[in-house]
Amino acid sequence: MTHDARHPSEGTKPVRPSHAVVRAARRLADAGVEAPRAEAEQLAAYVLGVPRGRLALVNGFDPAQLGRFDALVARRADREPLQHLTGVAGFRHLELAVGPGVFVPRPETELLAGWGVARGGRVPAPLVVDLCSGSGAIALAVAQELPAAWVMAVERSPEALRWLRRNAADRAAAGDRPIEVVAADVTDPELLADLTGRVDVLLCNPPYVPRSVVVPPEVAGHDPDEAVFGGADGLAVIRPVVRRAAELLRPGGVLGIEHDDTHGSAVPELLAADGRFEAVEEHRDLTGRPRFATASRRSDGARPDPGPAWQTGSS
């Protein structure tokens, strides 16, 4: 006798994960989820309490577990973010607590964090500032990978700050270098005034989506609006960040700003036009889209020479 895996009766054998995952993946695909099989497997592993790679070794779902799995799949089919369902988001070597009220860190931002780690590693004890920190993904990744660094994470949203402080406490308890959390608005012209001219690496993943852009349901319905949209052209936060970064960075200090894929020219042009930066470079993500711009603080304060002020690079 074959039992319907969606409605197992008491006393039936555990439902094999592979069967439940196939059915769930079909439902997620019909709902428009981009990676239905992978996400179905992640939800199955979460419910069963095993790594995703060990699903095939598990006996199966008991009725209670299957009911929980089906409920989570239904919520994902309604386009609730996977990370809200599991309560965690992976970022480089970290697992961060996330949920309503905080922007879920994206894989492409790992490239900016990695660039910051590489540049910070050139300084014996770097001062690293992460603006628009959100969950703390960039700041905590830098603190873990550069234990000699002094890392500051700046965030203004009270809801996001709760997640940031929770993640900071969790990582400190796990043995990572503690970070300093600062509640502040990154557009404040006096931001971190006591650090003027002292910062070695400044990183920022600001709200940068132009207001007219239609975003996926996971973003529109769950990520905080103020963490997504950056004004009409997406540059409303980036402009003051560029100005403030020029004041906070020491001569030779470096800046990295993530941006919308339509800003591949706009953000480097802002950096070049400021006049206090050199070595302006645009970086692409793994799909080839413009993703973040970097620059170095000039030491002489002079305007760049006429001609191309920045170059396109790769991450």
C-alpha atoms as a PDB file:
ATOM      1  CA  MET A   1       0.000   0.000   0.000  1.00  0.00           C
ATOM      2  CA  THR A   2       1.290   3.453  -0.919  1.00  0.00           C
ATOM      3  CA  HIS A   3       0.658   6.336   1.441  1.00  0.00           C
ATOM      4  CA  ASP A   4       0.334   9.930   0.323  1.00  0.00           C
ATOM      5  CA  ALA A   5       3.404  11.650   1.795  1.00  0.00           C
ATOM      6  CA  ARG A   6       1.324  14.746   2.477  1.00  0.00           C
ATOM      7  CA  HIS A   7      -1.078  12.930   4.751  1.00  0.00           C
ATOM      8  CA  PRO A   8       0.676  10.037   6.455  1.00  0.00           C
ATOM      9  CA  SER A   9      -1.444   8.058   8.822  1.00  0.00           C
ATOM     10  CA  GLU A  10      -0.235   7.109  12.263  1.00  0.00           C
ATOM     11  CA  GLY A  11       1.960   4.055  12.261  1.00  0.00           C
ATOM     12  CA  THR A  12       3.152   4.488   8.692  1.00  0.00           C
ATOM     13  CA  LYS A  13       6.815   4.382   7.801  1.00  0.00           C
ATOM     14  CA  PRO A  14       8.740   7.665   7.775  1.00  0.00           C
ATOM     15  CA  VAL A  15       8.426   9.550   4.506  1.00  0.00           C
ATOM     16  CA  ARG A  16      11.694   9.592   2.599  1.00  0.00           C
ATOM     17  CA  PRO A  17      13.199  13.069   2.287  1.00  0.00           C
ATOM     18  CA  SER A  18      13.724  12.614  -1.443  1.00  0.00           C
ATOM     19  CA  HIS A  19       9.996  12.099  -2.003  1.00  0.00           C
ATOM     20  CA  ALA A  20       9.006  15.083   0.113  1.00  0.00           C
ATOM     21  CA  VAL A  21      11.645  17.290  -1.502  1.00  0.00           C
ATOM     22  CA  VAL A  22      10.496  16.476  -5.038  1.00  0.00           C
ATOM     23  CA  ARG A  23       6.928  17.399  -4.186  1.00  0.00           C
ATOM     24  CA  ALA A  24       8.018  20.566  -2.392  1.00  0.00           C
ATOM     25  CA  ALA A  25      10.321  21.620  -5.224  1.00  0.00           C
ATOM     26  CA  ARG A  26       7.447  21.320  -7.683  1.00  0.00           C
ATOM     27  CA  ARG A  27       5.289  23.549  -5.522  1.00  0.00           C
ATOM     28  CA  LEU A  28       8.045  26.142  -5.108  1.00  0.00           C
ATOM     29  CA  ALA A  29       8.756  26.143  -8.836  1.00  0.00           C
ATOM     30  CA  ASP A  30       5.079  26.768  -9.564  1.00  0.00           C
ATOM     31  CA  ALA A  31       5.241  29.707  -7.143  1.00  0.00           C
ATOM     32  CA  GLY A  32       8.153  31.273  -9.035  1.00  0.00           C
ATOM     33  CA  VAL A  33      10.954  30.524  -6.551  1.00  0.00           C
ATOM     34  CA  GLU A  34      14.244  30.679  -8.467  1.00  0.00           C
ATOM     35  CA  ALA A  35      16.023  27.665  -6.935  1.00  0.00           C
ATOM     36  CA  PRO A  36      13.148  25.393  -5.912  1.00  0.00           C
ATOM     37  CA  ARG A  37      15.061  22.144  -5.467  1.00  0.00           C
ATOM     38  CA  ALA A  38      17.872  23.692  -3.442  1.00  0.00           C
ATOM     39  CA  GLU A  39      15.450  25.569  -1.202  1.00  0.00           C
ATOM     40  CA  ALA A  40      13.261  22.503  -0.674  1.00  0.00           C
ATOM     41  CA  GLU A  41      16.363  20.597   0.409  1.00  0.00           C
ATOM     42  CA  GLN A  42      17.389  23.399   2.771  1.00  0.00           C
ATOM     43  CA  LEU A  43      13.967  23.406   4.398  1.00  0.00           C
ATOM     44  CA  ALA A  44      14.045  19.622   4.715  1.00  0.00           C
ATOM     45  CA  ALA A  45      17.473  19.727   6.319  1.00  0.00           C
ATOM     46  CA  TYR A  46      16.308  22.469   8.675  1.00  0.00           C
ATOM     47  CA  VAL A  47      13.286  20.471   9.843  1.00  0.00           C
ATOM     48  CA  LEU A  48      15.265  17.246  10.199  1.00  0.00           C
ATOM     49  CA  GLY A  49      18.162  18.970  11.957  1.00  0.00           C
ATOM     50  CA  VAL A  50      20.865  17.693   9.620  1.00  0.00           C
ATOM     51  CA  PRO A  51      23.255  19.253   7.091  1.00  0.00           C
ATOM     52  CA  ARG A  52      21.768  19.417   3.622  1.00  0.00           C
ATOM     53  CA  GLY A  53      24.417  17.013   2.300  1.00  0.00           C
ATOM     54  CA  ARG A  54      23.250  14.304   4.712  1.00  0.00           C
ATOM     55  CA  LEU A  55      19.582  14.244   3.741  1.00  0.00           C
ATOM     56  CA  ALA A  56      19.994  10.942   1.904  1.00  0.00           C
ATOM     57  CA  LEU A  57      21.225   9.294   5.110  1.00  0.00           C
ATOM     58  CA  VAL A  58      18.173  10.243   7.174  1.00  0.00           C
ATOM     59  CA  ASN A  59      15.444   7.657   7.758  1.00  0.00           C
ATOM     60  CA  GLY A  60      12.759  10.167   6.882  1.00  0.00           C
ATOM     61  CA  PHE A  61      10.087  12.535   8.180  1.00  0.00           C
ATOM     62  CA  ASP A  62       7.797  11.401  10.933  1.00  0.00           C
ATOM     63  CA  PRO A  63       4.235  12.789  10.729  1.00  0.00           C
ATOM     64  CA  ALA A  64       4.985  15.817  12.909  1.00  0.00           C
ATOM     65  CA  GLN A  65       8.116  16.690  10.972  1.00  0.00           C
ATOM     66  CA  LEU A  66       6.343  16.318   7.658  1.00  0.00           C
ATOM     67  CA  GLY A  67       3.554  18.606   8.802  1.00  0.00           C
ATOM     68  CA  ARG A  68       6.111  21.217   9.823  1.00  0.00           C
ATOM     69  CA  PHE A  69       7.956  20.850   6.527  1.00  0.00           C
ATOM     70  CA  ASP A  70       4.768  21.233   4.493  1.00  0.00           C
ATOM     71  CA  ALA A  71       3.846  24.359   6.477  1.00  0.00           C
ATOM     72  CA  LEU A  72       7.234  25.929   5.785  1.00  0.00           C
ATOM     73  CA  VAL A  73       7.012  25.059   2.094  1.00  0.00           C
ATOM     74  CA  ALA A  74       3.596  26.730   1.942  1.00  0.00           C
ATOM     75  CA  ARG A  75       5.030  29.891   3.486  1.00  0.00           C
ATOM     76  CA  ARG A  76       7.947  29.855   1.048  1.00  0.00           C
ATOM     77  CA  ALA A  77       5.510  29.391  -1.830  1.00  0.00           C
ATOM     78  CA  ASP A  78       3.861  32.589  -0.590  1.00  0.00           C
ATOM     79  CA  ARG A  79       7.336  34.136  -1.124  1.00  0.00           C
ATOM     80  CA  GLU A  80       8.320  34.568   2.490  1.00  0.00           C
ATOM     81  CA  PRO A  81      12.143  34.637   2.459  1.00  0.00           C
ATOM     82  CA  LEU A  82      13.843  31.333   3.119  1.00  0.00           C
ATOM     83  CA  GLN A  83      16.055  33.021   5.705  1.00  0.00           C
ATOM     84  CA  HIS A  84      13.015  34.169   7.673  1.00  0.00           C
ATOM     85  CA  LEU A  85      11.769  30.573   7.773  1.00  0.00           C
ATOM     86  CA  THR A  86      15.033  29.140   9.047  1.00  0.00           C
ATOM     87  CA  GLY A  87      15.997  32.216  11.078  1.00  0.00           C
ATOM     88  CA  VAL A  88      19.516  32.377   9.689  1.00  0.00           C
ATOM     89  CA  ALA A  89      21.401  33.697   6.675  1.00  0.00           C
ATOM     90  CA  GLY A  90      24.771  32.379   5.592  1.00  0.00           C
ATOM     91  CA  PHE A  91      27.417  34.990   4.854  1.00  0.00           C
ATOM     92  CA  ARG A  92      30.992  34.006   4.071  1.00  0.00           C
ATOM     93  CA  HIS A  93      31.977  31.843   7.085  1.00  0.00           C
ATOM     94  CA  LEU A  94      29.117  33.030   9.299  1.00  0.00           C
ATOM     95  CA  GLU A  95      25.526  32.156  10.099  1.00  0.00           C
ATOM     96  CA  LEU A  96      23.648  35.286  11.129  1.00  0.00           C
ATOM     97  CA  ALA A  97      20.293  35.601  12.843  1.00  0.00           C
ATOM     98  CA  VAL A  98      17.796  37.450  10.631  1.00  0.00           C
ATOM     99  CA  GLY A  99      14.079  38.064  10.539  1.00  0.00           C
ATOM    100  CA  PRO A 100      11.475  40.802  10.194  1.00  0.00           C
ATOM    101  CA  GLY A 101      12.958  44.272  10.520  1.00  0.00           C
ATOM    102  CA  VAL A 102      16.396  43.630   9.053  1.00  0.00           C
ATOM    103  CA  PHE A 103      17.687  43.333   5.495  1.00  0.00           C
ATOM    104  CA  VAL A 104      18.700  39.777   4.607  1.00  0.00           C
ATOM    105  CA  PRO A 105      22.365  39.816   3.465  1.00  0.00           C
ATOM    106  CA  ARG A 106      22.879  38.687  -0.130  1.00  0.00           C
ATOM    107  CA  PRO A 107      25.660  36.496  -1.535  1.00  0.00           C
ATOM    108  CA  GLU A 108      26.900  39.267  -3.831  1.00  0.00           C
ATOM    109  CA  THR A 109      27.752  41.396  -0.797  1.00  0.00           C
ATOM    110  CA  GLU A 110      30.282  38.748   0.201  1.00  0.00           C
ATOM    111  CA  LEU A 111      32.463  40.098  -2.612  1.00  0.00           C
ATOM    112  CA  LEU A 112      32.584  43.554  -1.040  1.00  0.00           C
ATOM    113  CA  ALA A 113      33.327  42.050   2.365  1.00  0.00           C
ATOM    114  CA  GLY A 114      36.102  39.936   0.864  1.00  0.00           C
ATOM    115  CA  TRP A 115      37.620  43.001  -0.789  1.00  0.00           C
ATOM    116  CA  GLY A 116      37.534  44.785   2.562  1.00  0.00           C
ATOM    117  CA  VAL A 117      39.206  41.847   4.310  1.00  0.00           C
ATOM    118  CA  ALA A 118      41.946  41.773   1.673  1.00  0.00           C
ATOM    119  CA  ARG A 119      42.617  45.499   1.908  1.00  0.00           C
ATOM    120  CA  GLY A 120      42.406  45.559   5.689  1.00  0.00           C
ATOM    121  CA  GLY A 121      44.889  42.703   5.820  1.00  0.00           C
ATOM    122  CA  ARG A 122      47.557  45.027   4.458  1.00  0.00           C
ATOM    123  CA  VAL A 123      47.461  47.081   7.673  1.00  0.00           C
ATOM    124  CA  PRO A 124      48.777  45.669  10.988  1.00  0.00           C
ATOM    125  CA  ALA A 125      45.758  46.710  13.101  1.00  0.00           C
ATOM    126  CA  PRO A 126      43.220  48.297  10.739  1.00  0.00           C
ATOM    127  CA  LEU A 127      40.323  50.507  11.759  1.00  0.00           C
ATOM    128  CA  VAL A 128      37.386  49.280   9.666  1.00  0.00           C
ATOM    129  CA  VAL A 129      33.990  50.992   9.531  1.00  0.00           C
ATOM    130  CA  ASP A 130      30.858  49.335   8.137  1.00  0.00           C
ATOM    131  CA  LEU A 131      28.099  51.826   7.305  1.00  0.00           C
ATOM    132  CA  CYS A 132      24.444  50.750   6.916  1.00  0.00           C
ATOM    133  CA  SER A 133      25.418  47.589   8.754  1.00  0.00           C
ATOM    134  CA  GLY A 134      21.989  45.967   9.025  1.00  0.00           C
ATOM    135  CA  SER A 135      22.452  42.458  10.407  1.00  0.00           C
ATOM    136  CA  GLY A 136      26.168  43.142  10.814  1.00  0.00           C
ATOM    137  CA  ALA A 137      27.169  40.819   7.984  1.00  0.00           C
ATOM    138  CA  ILE A 138      30.102  42.827   6.628  1.00  0.00           C
ATOM    139  CA  ALA A 139      31.378  44.021  10.008  1.00  0.00           C
ATOM    140  CA  LEU A 140      31.238  40.578  11.589  1.00  0.00           C
ATOM    141  CA  ALA A 141      32.861  38.889   8.604  1.00  0.00           C
ATOM    142  CA  VAL A 142      35.744  41.365   8.767  1.00  0.00           C
ATOM    143  CA  ALA A 143      36.091  40.917  12.533  1.00  0.00           C
ATOM    144  CA  GLN A 144      36.195  37.143  12.162  1.00  0.00           C
ATOM    145  CA  GLU A 145      38.697  37.121   9.307  1.00  0.00           C
ATOM    146  CA  LEU A 146      40.871  39.982  10.590  1.00  0.00           C
ATOM    147  CA  PRO A 147      41.101  39.403  14.341  1.00  0.00           C
ATOM    148  CA  ALA A 148      43.569  42.295  14.712  1.00  0.00           C
ATOM    149  CA  ALA A 149      41.050  44.789  13.312  1.00  0.00           C
ATOM    150  CA  TRP A 150      39.011  47.320  15.258  1.00  0.00           C
ATOM    151  CA  VAL A 151      35.609  47.128  13.565  1.00  0.00           C
ATOM    152  CA  MET A 152      32.739  49.578  13.966  1.00  0.00           C
ATOM    153  CA  ALA A 153      29.232  48.885  12.640  1.00  0.00           C
ATOM    154  CA  VAL A 154      26.902  51.847  12.077  1.00  0.00           C
ATOM    155  CA  GLU A 155      23.119  51.434  11.765  1.00  0.00           C
ATOM    156  CA  ARG A 156      20.204  53.778  12.433  1.00  0.00           C
ATOM    157  CA  SER A 157      17.121  51.493  12.338  1.00  0.00           C
ATOM    158  CA  PRO A 158      16.025  50.410  15.835  1.00  0.00           C
ATOM    159  CA  GLU A 159      14.718  47.108  14.441  1.00  0.00           C
ATOM    160  CA  ALA A 160      17.919  46.357  12.546  1.00  0.00           C
ATOM    161  CA  LEU A 161      20.004  47.366  15.554  1.00  0.00           C
ATOM    162  CA  ARG A 162      18.366  44.623  17.610  1.00  0.00           C
ATOM    163  CA  TRP A 163      19.480  42.002  15.092  1.00  0.00           C
ATOM    164  CA  LEU A 164      22.919  43.606  14.760  1.00  0.00           C
ATOM    165  CA  ARG A 165      23.514  43.594  18.499  1.00  0.00           C
ATOM    166  CA  ARG A 166      22.276  40.013  18.781  1.00  0.00           C
ATOM    167  CA  ASN A 167      24.641  38.838  16.045  1.00  0.00           C
ATOM    168  CA  ALA A 168      27.525  40.831  17.497  1.00  0.00           C
ATOM    169  CA  ALA A 169      26.966  39.246  20.903  1.00  0.00           C
ATOM    170  CA  ASP A 170      26.688  35.758  19.406  1.00  0.00           C
ATOM    171  CA  ARG A 171      29.931  36.104  17.455  1.00  0.00           C
ATOM    172  CA  ALA A 172      31.794  37.540  20.447  1.00  0.00           C
ATOM    173  CA  ALA A 173      30.562  34.608  22.542  1.00  0.00           C
ATOM    174  CA  ALA A 174      31.860  32.274  19.827  1.00  0.00           C
ATOM    175  CA  GLY A 175      35.322  33.775  20.190  1.00  0.00           C
ATOM    176  CA  ASP A 176      35.435  36.319  17.355  1.00  0.00           C
ATOM    177  CA  ARG A 177      36.892  39.771  17.905  1.00  0.00           C
ATOM    178  CA  PRO A 178      34.082  41.924  19.377  1.00  0.00           C
ATOM    179  CA  ILE A 179      32.853  44.790  17.228  1.00  0.00           C
ATOM    180  CA  GLU A 180      31.575  48.211  18.315  1.00  0.00           C
ATOM    181  CA  VAL A 181      27.970  48.974  17.375  1.00  0.00           C
ATOM    182  CA  VAL A 182      27.054  52.622  16.778  1.00  0.00           C
ATOM    183  CA  ALA A 183      23.459  53.825  16.446  1.00  0.00           C
ATOM    184  CA  ALA A 184      23.692  56.684  13.940  1.00  0.00           C
ATOM    185  CA  ASP A 185      22.503  57.970  10.573  1.00  0.00           C
ATOM    186  CA  VAL A 186      25.168  57.589   7.899  1.00  0.00           C
ATOM    187  CA  THR A 187      23.972  60.765   6.166  1.00  0.00           C
ATOM    188  CA  ASP A 188      24.845  62.863   9.248  1.00  0.00           C
ATOM    189  CA  PRO A 189      27.651  65.247   8.190  1.00  0.00           C
ATOM    190  CA  GLU A 190      29.177  64.846  11.668  1.00  0.00           C
ATOM    191  CA  LEU A 191      29.081  61.043  11.640  1.00  0.00           C
ATOM    192  CA  LEU A 192      31.914  59.535  13.725  1.00  0.00           C
ATOM    193  CA  ALA A 193      33.551  62.932  14.039  1.00  0.00           C
ATOM    194  CA  ASP A 194      36.179  61.589  16.443  1.00  0.00           C
ATOM    195  CA  LEU A 195      37.452  59.261  13.698  1.00  0.00           C
ATOM    196  CA  THR A 196      38.090  61.969  11.095  1.00  0.00           C
ATOM    197  CA  GLY A 197      41.201  61.123   9.091  1.00  0.00           C
ATOM    198  CA  ARG A 198      41.787  57.837  10.951  1.00  0.00           C
ATOM    199  CA  VAL A 199      39.795  55.105   9.157  1.00  0.00           C
ATOM    200  CA  ASP A 200      41.761  52.548   7.137  1.00  0.00           C
ATOM    201  CA  VAL A 201      38.863  50.759   5.413  1.00  0.00           C
ATOM    202  CA  LEU A 202      35.311  52.025   5.024  1.00  0.00           C
ATOM    203  CA  LEU A 203      32.680  49.661   3.609  1.00  0.00           C
ATOM    204  CA  CYS A 204      29.039  50.360   2.870  1.00  0.00           C
ATOM    205  CA  ASN A 205      26.088  48.388   1.503  1.00  0.00           C
ATOM    206  CA  PRO A 206      23.517  51.201   1.507  1.00  0.00           C
ATOM    207  CA  PRO A 207      19.910  51.289   0.307  1.00  0.00           C
ATOM    208  CA  TYR A 208      20.458  51.812  -3.415  1.00  0.00           C
ATOM    209  CA  VAL A 209      17.493  50.566  -5.444  1.00  0.00           C
ATOM    210  CA  PRO A 210      15.833  53.382  -7.430  1.00  0.00           C
ATOM    211  CA  ARG A 211      12.294  53.975  -6.182  1.00  0.00           C
ATOM    212  CA  SER A 212      10.700  53.123  -9.547  1.00  0.00           C
ATOM    213  CA  VAL A 213      12.187  49.610  -9.674  1.00  0.00           C
ATOM    214  CA  VAL A 214       9.824  46.705  -9.047  1.00  0.00           C
ATOM    215  CA  VAL A 215      11.532  44.336  -6.622  1.00  0.00           C
ATOM    216  CA  PRO A 216      10.807  40.617  -6.007  1.00  0.00           C
ATOM    217  CA  PRO A 217       8.053  39.665  -3.519  1.00  0.00           C
ATOM    218  CA  GLU A 218      10.638  38.523  -0.969  1.00  0.00           C
ATOM    219  CA  VAL A 219      12.041  42.053  -0.949  1.00  0.00           C
ATOM    220  CA  ALA A 220       8.832  44.051  -1.340  1.00  0.00           C
ATOM    221  CA  GLY A 221       6.991  42.220   1.385  1.00  0.00           C
ATOM    222  CA  HIS A 222       9.732  41.544   3.900  1.00  0.00           C
ATOM    223  CA  ASP A 223      12.951  43.585   3.613  1.00  0.00           C
ATOM    224  CA  PRO A 224      12.639  46.991   5.298  1.00  0.00           C
ATOM    225  CA  ASP A 225      11.803  49.669   2.746  1.00  0.00           C
ATOM    226  CA  GLU A 226      14.450  52.023   4.126  1.00  0.00           C
ATOM    227  CA  ALA A 227      17.110  49.341   3.639  1.00  0.00           C
ATOM    228  CA  VAL A 228      16.198  48.787  -0.013  1.00  0.00           C
ATOM    229  CA  PHE A 229      15.329  52.053  -1.756  1.00  0.00           C
ATOM    230  CA  GLY A 230      17.758  54.936  -2.133  1.00  0.00           C
ATOM    231  CA  GLY A 231      15.524  57.696  -3.422  1.00  0.00           C
ATOM    232  CA  ALA A 232      14.399  58.392  -6.964  1.00  0.00           C
ATOM    233  CA  ASP A 233      17.739  57.500  -8.553  1.00  0.00           C
ATOM    234  CA  GLY A 234      19.031  55.139  -5.859  1.00  0.00           C
ATOM    235  CA  LEU A 235      21.881  57.473  -4.904  1.00  0.00           C
ATOM    236  CA  ALA A 236      20.297  59.454  -2.073  1.00  0.00           C
ATOM    237  CA  VAL A 237      22.382  57.705   0.601  1.00  0.00           C
ATOM    238  CA  ILE A 238      25.458  57.042  -1.519  1.00  0.00           C
ATOM    239  CA  ARG A 239      26.097  60.739  -2.193  1.00  0.00           C
ATOM    240  CA  PRO A 240      26.511  61.754   1.480  1.00  0.00           C
ATOM    241  CA  VAL A 241      28.417  58.542   2.200  1.00  0.00           C
ATOM    242  CA  VAL A 242      30.983  59.454  -0.444  1.00  0.00           C
ATOM    243  CA  ARG A 243      31.420  62.915   1.069  1.00  0.00           C
ATOM    244  CA  ARG A 244      31.712  61.634   4.626  1.00  0.00           C
ATOM    245  CA  ALA A 245      34.048  58.808   3.651  1.00  0.00           C
ATOM    246  CA  ALA A 246      36.485  61.327   2.181  1.00  0.00           C
ATOM    247  CA  GLU A 247      36.660  62.988   5.599  1.00  0.00           C
ATOM    248  CA  LEU A 248      36.852  59.840   7.706  1.00  0.00           C
ATOM    249  CA  LEU A 249      39.518  58.005   5.708  1.00  0.00           C
ATOM    250  CA  ARG A 250      43.180  58.564   6.380  1.00  0.00           C
ATOM    251  CA  PRO A 251      45.415  59.342   3.390  1.00  0.00           C
ATOM    252  CA  GLY A 252      45.679  56.055   1.512  1.00  0.00           C
ATOM    253  CA  GLY A 253      42.620  54.635   3.279  1.00  0.00           C
ATOM    254  CA  VAL A 254      40.163  52.803   1.052  1.00  0.00           C
ATOM    255  CA  LEU A 255      36.422  52.870   0.409  1.00  0.00           C
ATOM    256  CA  GLY A 256      34.103  50.206  -1.006  1.00  0.00           C
ATOM    257  CA  ILE A 257      30.425  50.899  -1.787  1.00  0.00           C
ATOM    258  CA  GLU A 258      27.925  48.370  -3.117  1.00  0.00           C
ATOM    259  CA  HIS A 259      25.419  49.763  -5.613  1.00  0.00           C
ATOM    260  CA  ASP A 260      22.632  48.891  -8.021  1.00  0.00           C
ATOM    261  CA  ASP A 261      23.647  47.201 -11.253  1.00  0.00           C
ATOM    262  CA  THR A 262      22.477  50.332 -13.105  1.00  0.00           C
ATOM    263  CA  HIS A 263      25.055  52.424 -11.221  1.00  0.00           C
ATOM    264  CA  GLY A 264      28.156  50.970 -12.860  1.00  0.00           C
ATOM    265  CA  SER A 265      29.112  54.430 -14.118  1.00  0.00           C
ATOM    266  CA  ALA A 266      27.250  56.690 -11.710  1.00  0.00           C
ATOM    267  CA  VAL A 267      29.002  55.700  -8.474  1.00  0.00           C
ATOM    268  CA  PRO A 268      32.566  55.734  -9.883  1.00  0.00           C
ATOM    269  CA  GLU A 269      31.754  59.128 -11.392  1.00  0.00           C
ATOM    270  CA  LEU A 270      30.640  60.410  -7.986  1.00  0.00           C
ATOM    271  CA  LEU A 271      33.913  59.219  -6.474  1.00  0.00           C
ATOM    272  CA  ALA A 272      36.007  60.752  -9.229  1.00  0.00           C
ATOM    273  CA  ALA A 273      34.081  64.031  -9.153  1.00  0.00           C
ATOM    274  CA  ASP A 274      34.629  64.437  -5.408  1.00  0.00           C
ATOM    275  CA  GLY A 275      38.313  65.076  -6.093  1.00  0.00           C
ATOM    276  CA  ARG A 276      39.590  63.495  -2.891  1.00  0.00           C
ATOM    277  CA  PHE A 277      39.820  59.941  -4.235  1.00  0.00           C
ATOM    278  CA  GLU A 278      42.108  58.134  -6.619  1.00  0.00           C
ATOM    279  CA  ALA A 279      42.372  54.585  -7.990  1.00  0.00           C
ATOM    280  CA  VAL A 280      38.616  54.532  -8.565  1.00  0.00           C
ATOM    281  CA  GLU A 281      37.582  51.119  -9.795  1.00  0.00           C
ATOM    282  CA  GLU A 282      34.334  49.361 -10.637  1.00  0.00           C
ATOM    283  CA  HIS A 283      33.874  45.683  -9.691  1.00  0.00           C
ATOM    284  CA  ARG A 284      31.478  43.132 -11.151  1.00  0.00           C
ATOM    285  CA  ASP A 285      29.749  40.274  -9.400  1.00  0.00           C
ATOM    286  CA  LEU A 286      29.866  36.612 -10.415  1.00  0.00           C
ATOM    287  CA  THR A 287      27.121  37.171 -12.999  1.00  0.00           C
ATOM    288  CA  GLY A 288      29.114  39.974 -14.642  1.00  0.00           C
ATOM    289  CA  ARG A 289      26.909  42.792 -13.362  1.00  0.00           C
ATOM    290  CA  PRO A 290      28.379  46.011 -11.916  1.00  0.00           C
ATOM    291  CA  ARG A 291      28.186  45.517  -8.148  1.00  0.00           C
ATOM    292  CA  PHE A 292      30.525  47.735  -6.124  1.00  0.00           C
ATOM    293  CA  ALA A 293      32.952  50.609  -6.561  1.00  0.00           C
ATOM    294  CA  THR A 294      36.197  51.176  -4.709  1.00  0.00           C
ATOM    295  CA  ALA A 295      38.618  54.045  -4.315  1.00  0.00           C
ATOM    296  CA  SER A 296      41.597  55.232  -2.280  1.00  0.00           C
ATOM    297  CA  ARG A 297      41.752  58.493  -0.333  1.00  0.00           C
ATOM    298  CA  ARG A 298      44.208  60.883  -1.931  1.00  0.00           C
ATOM    299  CA  SER A 299      47.004  62.192   0.232  1.00  0.00           C
ATOM    300  CA  ASP A 300      47.497  65.538  -1.540  1.00  0.00           C
ATOM    301  CA  GLY A 301      43.916  66.787  -1.866  1.00  0.00           C
ATOM    302  CA  ALA A 302      44.539  67.695  -5.496  1.00  0.00           C
ATOM    303  CA  ARG A 303      42.049  67.132  -8.288  1.00  0.00           C
ATOM    304  CA  PRO A 304      42.699  64.126 -10.539  1.00  0.00           C
ATOM    305  CA  ASP A 305      44.447  64.770 -13.835  1.00  0.00           C
ATOM    306  CA  PRO A 306      42.163  65.185 -16.864  1.00  0.00           C
ATOM    307  CA  GLY A 307      41.263  61.992 -18.628  1.00  0.00           C
ATOM    308  CA  PRO A 308      39.719  58.716 -17.517  1.00  0.00           C
ATOM    309  CA  ALA A 309      39.264  58.970 -13.748  1.00  0.00           C
ATOM    310  CA  TRP A 310      38.315  55.370 -13.071  1.00  0.00           C
ATOM    311  CA  GLN A 311      38.540  51.916 -14.514  1.00  0.00           C
ATOM    312  CA  THR A 312      36.433  48.827 -14.685  1.00  0.00           C
ATOM    313  CA  GLY A 313      37.877  45.906 -12.794  1.00  0.00           C
ATOM    314  CA  SER A 314      36.619  42.571 -11.564  1.00  0.00           C
ATOM    315  CA  SER A 315      35.961  41.095  -8.179  1.00  0.00           C
END
